Amino acid sequence: MEFDLGHLPNDFYENPYPYYHELRANDPIHRMPDGSYFLTRYADLSAVYRDAKTFSSEKRREFAPKYGDTPLYAHHTTSFVFNDPPLHTRVRRIIIGALSPRATNAIADPLVHLVDSLLDAMEERGECDLITDYAAAIPVEVIGNLLGIPRSERGPLRDWSLAILGALEPVLTPAMHDRGNAAVTAFLTYLEHLVADRRAHPGDPEVDVLTRLILGETSGERLSEAELLHSCIFILNAGHETTTNLIGNALAALLDWPAERQALVQDPTLIDGAVEEFLRFESSNQLGNRATVTATVLGDVELLADTRLTLCIGAANRDPLIFEQPDRLDIRRSPNRHLAFATGPHQCAGLHLARLEGRIAISRFLTRFPQYTMRAPAVRGGRARFRGYASLPIRLNA
């Protein structure tokens, strides 16, 4: 099968799954024209995720020609998610400590209040755009609260996030490059002032994530200034895009699967399993990347050292060897060992927070508006790496 991430057909962005199915069935470790490989089987992704010594996450060599000496390059190569131990281990440990269960649980009640206030505003209008008015508004507020960003200063956050993450797409246009660099620069300038103020006026490190990041670990290990600033950008970006897509994709999928929607409306206790199924069925993050450190064999394919790999999470999460009827939305699916949050040492650090936001946002929306319908065509986000919607115009009551 001819398949190249650098030249994707237009219908791929609307529905990539037929392409994933054909690749997984006939060419699961697909060599692309640039010499990299595209992986679609669950077993292969799981093996790569768990073997960080053979499959590196470090991106300096890959990103240098893509970004040049730019703010985007500095950001993505400082981010712990695009690095190996020891930097990855050290920064991840501090971030996970900041996103402690207490810090996460502390946002539950304020999150319910936020969600209900958004639902109240939507109900007054009788219609809304599920993305701009709801799904995207929630994570920006949550992360803004975690970092202690004043509400009056949160306006640019979503646009900065979209621009920076947009520059991670397989094909980078000059306009996307410029927007991404401008966003990193503006975000860093803003954070320098925010961090300086927090150093002078620290919050409670148990619930204030930025204060915890500044203080570091109890052992005395701290982030450098660059690591601190870029970690704040990463927390916003990772938490914003994936959670927005989780909520939007879930509520859109339930329109296509009315029996599943009705089951969840009638029995809200199904929400935990439903969130896992939404994560599997329409994974917010569709693609990951690694590079081989040494020559190795994956499946029956010999890979040379420094071979780049694209891990297709969206394909692995619909692998029929793992999931029965994988193209069916089944909110009661069990077990459901999806890879939406990856696995191994690079498993998503904010998975508990994302699940909490998803549970509250989806369940409370369905309780208020169980008969919602589309009022205009949905608009996909037009990205290969992050799968979601740019617009979901709905009517709240049929």
Protein backbone atom coordinates (compact mmCIF):
# COMPACT_ATOMS: atom_id res chain seq x y z
CA MET A 1 0.00 0.00 0.00
CA GLU A 2 1.24 3.48 -0.86
CA PHE A 3 1.07 5.53 2.30
CA ASP A 4 3.11 8.60 3.16
CA LEU A 5 2.51 10.92 6.11
CA GLY A 6 4.05 13.69 4.04
CA HIS A 7 1.36 13.41 1.37
CA LEU A 8 -1.92 12.42 2.98
CA PRO A 9 -5.16 12.39 0.97
CA ASN A 10 -7.89 14.79 2.04
CA ASP A 11 -10.24 12.03 3.16
CA PHE A 12 -7.65 10.78 5.64
CA TYR A 13 -8.34 13.71 7.97
CA GLU A 14 -12.05 12.94 8.00
CA ASN A 15 -11.62 9.19 8.54
CA PRO A 16 -8.13 7.66 8.81
CA TYR A 17 -9.33 4.24 9.98
CA PRO A 18 -9.69 2.54 6.56
CA TYR A 19 -6.04 3.41 5.90
CA TYR A 20 -5.04 2.11 9.33
CA HIS A 21 -6.97 -1.14 8.80
CA GLU A 22 -5.35 -1.86 5.46
CA LEU A 23 -1.86 -1.11 6.75
CA ARG A 24 -2.33 -3.22 9.87
CA ALA A 25 -3.64 -6.17 7.86
CA ASN A 26 -1.18 -6.07 4.98
CA ASP A 27 1.84 -3.95 5.87
CA PRO A 28 1.89 -3.37 9.65
CA ILE A 29 5.48 -2.12 9.72
CA HIS A 30 5.22 0.10 6.68
CA ARG A 31 8.31 1.71 5.20
CA MET A 32 7.59 5.24 4.06
CA PRO A 33 9.43 7.06 1.24
CA ASP A 34 11.72 8.90 3.66
CA GLY A 35 13.00 5.61 5.14
CA SER A 36 11.01 5.83 8.37
CA TYR A 37 8.43 3.23 9.42
CA PHE A 38 4.75 3.53 10.30
CA LEU A 39 3.57 1.02 12.94
CA THR A 40 -0.08 0.00 13.28
CA ARG A 41 -0.18 -3.18 15.42
CA TYR A 42 -0.91 -3.04 19.13
CA ALA A 43 1.81 -5.58 19.96
CA ASP A 44 4.47 -3.57 18.13
CA LEU A 45 3.52 -0.30 19.79
CA SER A 46 3.45 -1.93 23.21
CA ALA A 47 6.90 -3.44 22.65
CA VAL A 48 8.36 -0.11 21.55
CA TYR A 49 6.80 1.83 24.44
CA ARG A 50 8.19 -0.58 27.01
CA ASP A 51 11.75 -0.69 25.65
CA ALA A 52 13.07 2.83 26.12
CA LYS A 53 16.68 1.67 25.84
CA THR A 54 16.25 0.47 22.27
CA PHE A 55 13.66 3.01 21.13
CA SER A 56 14.58 6.59 21.97
CA SER A 57 12.25 9.55 22.50
CA GLU A 58 15.04 12.13 22.11
CA LYS A 59 14.32 14.40 19.13
CA ARG A 60 17.29 16.72 18.64
CA ARG A 61 18.48 15.16 15.40
CA GLU A 62 14.96 14.87 14.02
CA PHE A 63 13.82 18.36 14.99
CA ALA A 64 16.97 20.30 13.99
CA PRO A 65 16.23 20.27 10.24
CA LYS A 66 12.50 20.70 10.84
CA TYR A 67 12.69 23.77 13.09
CA GLY A 68 16.22 25.14 12.82
CA ASP A 69 17.60 27.28 15.63
CA THR A 70 14.21 28.57 16.74
CA PRO A 71 12.03 28.85 19.84
CA LEU A 72 10.09 25.77 18.67
CA TYR A 73 13.29 23.74 18.60
CA ALA A 74 14.28 24.98 22.06
CA HIS A 75 10.84 24.14 23.46
CA HIS A 76 10.40 20.68 22.03
CA THR A 77 13.94 19.56 22.80
CA THR A 78 13.68 20.82 26.39
CA SER A 79 10.31 19.16 26.96
CA PHE A 80 10.75 15.97 28.96
CA VAL A 81 8.36 14.07 26.70
CA PHE A 82 10.86 14.36 23.83
CA ASN A 83 13.84 13.23 25.89
CA ASP A 84 15.33 10.09 27.39
CA PRO A 85 16.69 9.46 30.88
CA PRO A 86 18.18 11.03 32.87
CA LEU A 87 16.47 14.30 31.86
CA HIS A 88 13.13 12.60 31.18
CA THR A 89 13.19 10.75 34.51
CA ARG A 90 14.14 13.79 36.57
CA VAL A 91 11.66 16.23 35.04
CA ARG A 92 8.83 13.68 34.88
CA ARG A 93 9.30 12.86 38.57
CA ILE A 94 8.93 16.52 39.52
CA ILE A 95 5.90 17.04 37.26
CA ILE A 96 4.17 13.92 38.58
CA GLY A 97 4.88 15.16 42.10
CA ALA A 98 3.23 18.45 41.17
CA LEU A 99 0.23 16.64 39.69
CA SER A 100 -0.23 14.73 42.92
CA PRO A 101 -3.52 13.00 43.82
CA ARG A 102 -4.21 15.77 46.31
CA ALA A 103 -3.67 18.47 43.69
CA THR A 104 -5.84 16.61 41.19
CA ASN A 105 -8.60 15.77 43.67
CA ALA A 106 -8.65 19.36 44.88
CA ILE A 107 -9.95 20.51 41.51
CA ALA A 108 -12.97 18.16 41.46
CA ASP A 109 -15.44 20.51 43.18
CA PRO A 110 -14.24 23.63 41.30
CA LEU A 111 -14.41 21.59 38.08
CA VAL A 112 -18.04 20.68 38.72
CA HIS A 113 -18.80 24.35 39.35
CA LEU A 114 -17.00 25.37 36.14
CA VAL A 115 -18.81 22.73 34.06
CA ASP A 116 -22.20 23.68 35.49
CA SER A 117 -21.61 27.37 34.81
CA LEU A 118 -20.73 26.58 31.18
CA LEU A 119 -23.84 24.42 30.87
CA ASP A 120 -25.99 27.20 32.36
CA ALA A 121 -24.68 29.69 29.81
CA MET A 122 -25.28 27.24 26.96
CA GLU A 123 -28.81 26.49 28.14
CA GLU A 124 -29.73 30.17 28.03
CA ARG A 125 -28.85 30.24 24.34
CA GLY A 126 -30.39 26.84 23.51
CA GLU A 127 -27.51 26.00 21.22
CA CYS A 128 -23.74 26.11 21.26
CA ASP A 129 -20.52 25.00 19.67
CA LEU A 130 -19.40 22.05 21.76
CA ILE A 131 -15.75 22.80 21.12
CA THR A 132 -15.36 26.54 21.65
CA ASP A 133 -18.13 26.90 24.24
CA TYR A 134 -17.45 23.75 26.23
CA ALA A 135 -14.75 21.18 25.44
CA ALA A 136 -11.95 23.70 24.91
CA ALA A 137 -13.01 25.98 27.74
CA ILE A 138 -12.71 23.32 30.43
CA PRO A 139 -9.00 22.33 30.24
CA VAL A 140 -7.85 25.92 29.81
CA GLU A 141 -9.61 26.84 33.04
CA VAL A 142 -8.41 23.73 34.86
CA ILE A 143 -4.77 24.18 33.89
CA GLY A 144 -5.01 27.90 34.46
CA ASN A 145 -6.14 27.14 38.02
CA LEU A 146 -3.41 24.54 38.56
CA LEU A 147 -0.72 26.98 37.46
CA GLY A 148 -2.34 29.91 39.23
CA ILE A 149 -2.73 31.97 36.05
CA PRO A 150 -5.07 34.92 36.73
CA ARG A 151 -8.36 34.42 34.88
CA SER A 152 -8.03 37.78 33.14
CA GLU A 153 -4.75 36.60 31.58
CA ARG A 154 -5.96 33.28 30.12
CA GLY A 155 -7.25 34.64 26.83
CA PRO A 156 -4.22 33.77 24.66
CA LEU A 157 -3.59 30.31 26.15
CA ARG A 158 -5.63 28.21 23.73
CA ASP A 159 -4.30 29.93 20.61
CA TRP A 160 -0.73 29.52 21.86
CA SER A 161 -1.33 25.84 22.50
CA LEU A 162 -2.91 25.22 19.09
CA ALA A 163 -0.04 26.98 17.32
CA ILE A 164 2.71 25.10 19.18
CA LEU A 165 1.10 21.69 18.80
CA GLY A 166 0.18 22.41 15.18
CA ALA A 167 3.89 22.66 14.45
CA LEU A 168 4.25 18.98 15.42
CA GLU A 169 2.22 17.86 12.40
CA PRO A 170 4.06 15.63 9.90
CA VAL A 171 3.94 18.43 7.30
CA LEU A 172 4.99 21.85 8.55
CA THR A 173 4.11 24.85 6.37
CA PRO A 174 5.97 28.17 6.70
CA ALA A 175 2.83 29.73 8.20
CA MET A 176 2.54 26.99 10.82
CA HIS A 177 6.27 27.39 11.59
CA ASP A 178 5.89 31.13 12.08
CA ARG A 179 2.79 30.81 14.27
CA GLY A 180 4.43 28.16 16.43
CA ASN A 181 7.56 30.21 17.02
CA ALA A 182 5.57 33.34 17.80
CA ALA A 183 3.49 31.39 20.29
CA VAL A 184 6.49 29.92 22.11
CA THR A 185 8.10 33.38 22.33
CA ALA A 186 4.95 35.02 23.67
CA PHE A 187 4.30 32.21 26.13
CA LEU A 188 7.85 32.31 27.50
CA THR A 189 7.67 36.09 27.94
CA TYR A 190 4.43 35.73 29.86
CA LEU A 191 5.71 32.87 32.01
CA GLU A 192 8.87 34.71 33.00
CA HIS A 193 6.73 37.33 34.74
CA LEU A 194 4.36 34.74 36.21
CA VAL A 195 7.22 32.66 37.64
CA ALA A 196 8.97 35.71 39.06
CA ASP A 197 5.77 36.72 40.85
CA ARG A 198 5.25 33.18 42.18
CA ARG A 199 8.80 33.02 43.49
CA ALA A 200 8.07 36.21 45.42
CA HIS A 201 4.62 35.01 46.52
CA PRO A 202 4.59 31.19 46.62
CA GLY A 203 1.36 29.26 46.99
CA ASP A 204 0.61 25.98 48.75
CA PRO A 205 2.90 23.44 47.01
CA GLU A 206 0.37 20.67 47.64
CA VAL A 207 -2.23 22.27 45.38
CA ASP A 208 -0.36 24.99 43.44
CA VAL A 209 1.40 23.17 40.62
CA LEU A 210 3.62 26.08 39.62
CA THR A 211 4.87 26.54 43.19
CA ARG A 212 5.60 22.82 43.37
CA LEU A 213 7.52 22.96 40.09
CA ILE A 214 9.55 25.92 41.37
CA LEU A 215 10.37 24.20 44.67
CA GLY A 216 11.20 20.87 43.01
CA GLU A 217 11.51 17.70 45.07
CA THR A 218 11.97 17.39 48.80
CA SER A 219 15.44 16.01 48.04
CA GLY A 220 16.38 19.45 46.78
CA GLU A 221 16.44 18.61 43.07
CA ARG A 222 15.00 21.45 41.04
CA LEU A 223 14.26 22.28 37.45
CA SER A 224 16.49 24.74 35.64
CA GLU A 225 14.80 27.99 34.62
CA ALA A 226 14.46 26.78 31.01
CA GLU A 227 13.09 23.40 32.12
CA LEU A 228 10.60 25.12 34.40
CA LEU A 229 9.28 27.49 31.75
CA HIS A 230 9.05 24.85 29.03
CA SER A 231 7.42 22.39 31.44
CA CYS A 232 4.66 24.92 32.07
CA ILE A 233 4.11 25.22 28.32
CA PHE A 234 4.04 21.44 28.03
CA ILE A 235 1.49 21.06 30.84
CA LEU A 236 -0.86 23.50 29.14
CA ASN A 237 -0.40 22.03 25.67
CA ALA A 238 -0.66 18.38 26.65
CA GLY A 239 -3.61 18.93 28.96
CA HIS A 240 -5.47 21.28 26.64
CA GLU A 241 -5.49 19.50 23.30
CA THR A 242 -6.00 15.95 24.51
CA THR A 243 -8.79 16.79 26.95
CA THR A 244 -10.58 19.05 24.48
CA ASN A 245 -10.53 16.22 21.96
CA LEU A 246 -11.61 13.61 24.52
CA ILE A 247 -14.74 15.58 25.41
CA GLY A 248 -15.57 16.63 21.85
CA ASN A 249 -14.88 13.23 20.30
CA ALA A 250 -16.95 11.48 22.97
CA LEU A 251 -20.04 13.63 22.59
CA ALA A 252 -19.77 13.45 18.79
CA ALA A 253 -19.42 9.66 18.86
CA LEU A 254 -22.51 9.30 21.04
CA LEU A 255 -24.53 11.00 18.30
CA ASP A 256 -23.48 8.20 15.93
CA TRP A 257 -24.17 5.49 18.53
CA PRO A 258 -27.57 6.41 20.03
CA ALA A 259 -27.98 3.12 21.91
CA GLU A 260 -24.71 3.77 23.76
CA ARG A 261 -25.81 7.32 24.51
CA GLN A 262 -29.12 6.09 25.87
CA ALA A 263 -27.39 3.47 28.02
CA LEU A 264 -25.10 6.11 29.53
CA VAL A 265 -27.98 8.50 30.12
CA GLN A 266 -29.99 5.80 31.86
CA ASP A 267 -27.05 4.53 33.93
CA PRO A 268 -24.53 7.30 34.70
CA THR A 269 -22.42 4.82 36.71
CA LEU A 270 -21.13 3.54 33.36
CA ILE A 271 -19.13 6.74 32.88
CA ASP A 272 -15.75 5.36 34.02
CA GLY A 273 -15.77 2.59 31.44
CA ALA A 274 -17.29 4.90 28.86
CA VAL A 275 -14.38 7.35 29.18
CA GLU A 276 -11.91 4.52 28.58
CA GLU A 277 -13.87 3.51 25.48
CA PHE A 278 -13.94 7.08 24.15
CA LEU A 279 -10.17 7.22 24.62
CA ARG A 280 -9.77 3.98 22.66
CA PHE A 281 -12.34 4.60 19.96
CA GLU A 282 -11.19 8.09 18.96
CA SER A 283 -7.78 8.58 20.52
CA SER A 284 -7.06 12.27 21.02
CA ASN A 285 -3.40 11.72 20.22
CA GLN A 286 -3.16 9.50 17.15
CA LEU A 287 0.59 9.43 16.53
CA GLY A 288 3.78 9.05 18.56
CA ASN A 289 7.42 8.86 17.54
CA ARG A 290 10.58 6.98 18.45
CA ALA A 291 13.99 6.29 16.91
CA THR A 292 16.12 3.16 17.24
CA VAL A 293 19.24 3.53 19.35
CA THR A 294 20.83 0.35 17.96
CA ALA A 295 19.98 -2.10 15.21
CA THR A 296 17.08 -4.30 16.23
CA VAL A 297 14.28 -6.49 14.93
CA LEU A 298 10.62 -5.54 15.34
CA GLY A 299 8.13 -8.13 14.23
CA ASP A 300 9.92 -9.62 11.25
CA VAL A 301 11.54 -6.37 10.12
CA GLU A 302 15.21 -5.55 10.67
CA LEU A 303 15.72 -1.94 11.69
CA LEU A 304 19.04 -0.13 11.50
CA ALA A 305 20.25 2.20 14.23
CA ASP A 306 18.74 5.71 14.04
CA THR A 307 15.64 4.54 12.18
CA ARG A 308 12.67 6.80 12.84
CA LEU A 309 9.35 5.22 13.76
CA THR A 310 5.83 6.63 13.82
CA LEU A 311 3.60 4.81 16.31
CA CYS A 312 -0.03 4.92 15.20
CA ILE A 313 -2.00 4.88 18.44
CA GLY A 314 -5.28 5.25 16.56
CA ALA A 315 -4.59 2.05 14.62
CA ALA A 316 -3.34 0.04 17.61
CA ASN A 317 -6.44 0.95 19.58
CA ARG A 318 -8.55 -0.71 16.88
CA ASP A 319 -6.44 -3.84 16.51
CA PRO A 320 -8.88 -6.80 16.22
CA LEU A 321 -6.33 -9.10 17.86
CA ILE A 322 -6.82 -7.09 21.06
CA PHE A 323 -10.28 -5.58 20.80
CA GLU A 324 -13.36 -7.52 19.71
CA GLN A 325 -15.35 -5.57 17.10
CA PRO A 326 -12.86 -2.71 17.34
CA ASP A 327 -14.85 -0.33 15.13
CA ARG A 328 -17.83 -0.54 17.45
CA LEU A 329 -18.28 1.93 20.30
CA ASP A 330 -18.98 -0.19 23.39
CA ILE A 331 -19.09 1.74 26.66
CA ARG A 332 -19.19 -1.56 28.58
CA ARG A 333 -16.03 -2.91 26.93
CA SER A 334 -13.89 -4.86 29.38
CA PRO A 335 -11.01 -5.30 29.49
CA ASN A 336 -10.00 -2.15 27.67
CA ARG A 337 -6.20 -1.92 27.61
CA HIS A 338 -6.01 0.96 25.15
CA LEU A 339 -2.83 2.90 24.45
CA ALA A 340 -4.33 6.38 24.44
CA PHE A 341 -2.00 7.35 27.28
CA ALA A 342 0.87 5.18 25.96
CA THR A 343 2.48 2.77 28.40
CA GLY A 344 5.88 2.16 29.94
CA PRO A 345 8.16 4.95 31.21
CA HIS A 346 6.56 7.57 28.95
CA GLN A 347 2.99 6.93 30.03
CA CYS A 348 1.05 10.21 30.19
CA ALA A 349 1.80 12.06 33.43
CA GLY A 350 -1.62 13.74 33.45
CA LEU A 351 -3.81 10.71 32.79
CA HIS A 352 -5.68 10.94 36.11
CA LEU A 353 -6.48 14.59 35.51
CA ALA A 354 -7.67 13.92 31.94
CA ARG A 355 -9.94 11.11 33.12
CA LEU A 356 -11.41 13.30 35.86
CA GLU A 357 -12.16 16.10 33.41
CA GLY A 358 -13.66 13.66 30.92
CA ARG A 359 -15.90 11.98 33.48
CA ILE A 360 -17.29 15.22 34.89
CA ALA A 361 -17.68 17.06 31.57
CA ILE A 362 -19.34 14.22 29.67
CA SER A 363 -21.61 12.92 32.43
CA ARG A 364 -22.91 16.33 33.52
CA PHE A 365 -23.54 17.36 29.92
CA LEU A 366 -25.59 14.22 29.27
CA THR A 367 -27.57 14.72 32.46
CA ARG A 368 -28.58 18.22 31.38
CA PHE A 369 -28.99 17.65 27.63
CA PRO A 370 -29.66 13.99 26.89
CA GLN A 371 -31.40 14.75 23.56
CA TYR A 372 -28.81 17.06 21.97
CA THR A 373 -28.54 17.02 18.17
CA MET A 374 -26.35 18.52 15.47
CA ARG A 375 -27.64 21.82 14.07
CA ALA A 376 -24.95 22.23 11.37
CA PRO A 377 -22.18 20.06 9.91
CA ALA A 378 -19.24 19.31 12.17
CA VAL A 379 -15.80 20.56 11.17
CA ARG A 380 -12.80 18.32 11.80
CA GLY A 381 -9.59 19.78 13.16
CA GLY A 382 -7.64 18.83 10.02
CA ARG A 383 -4.70 17.28 11.85
CA ALA A 384 -3.07 13.88 11.57
CA ARG A 385 -1.41 13.79 14.99
CA PHE A 386 -4.21 15.16 17.13
CA ARG A 387 -7.70 13.96 16.20
CA GLY A 388 -10.56 16.19 17.15
CA TYR A 389 -13.00 18.80 15.94
CA ALA A 390 -12.61 22.49 15.24
CA SER A 391 -16.38 22.97 15.50
CA LEU A 392 -19.38 20.93 16.70
CA PRO A 393 -22.50 23.12 16.38
CA ILE A 394 -25.35 21.53 18.35
CA ARG A 395 -28.89 22.11 19.45
CA LEU A 396 -29.19 21.26 23.11
CA ASN A 397 -32.75 19.98 23.18
CA ALA A 398 -34.26 18.06 20.27
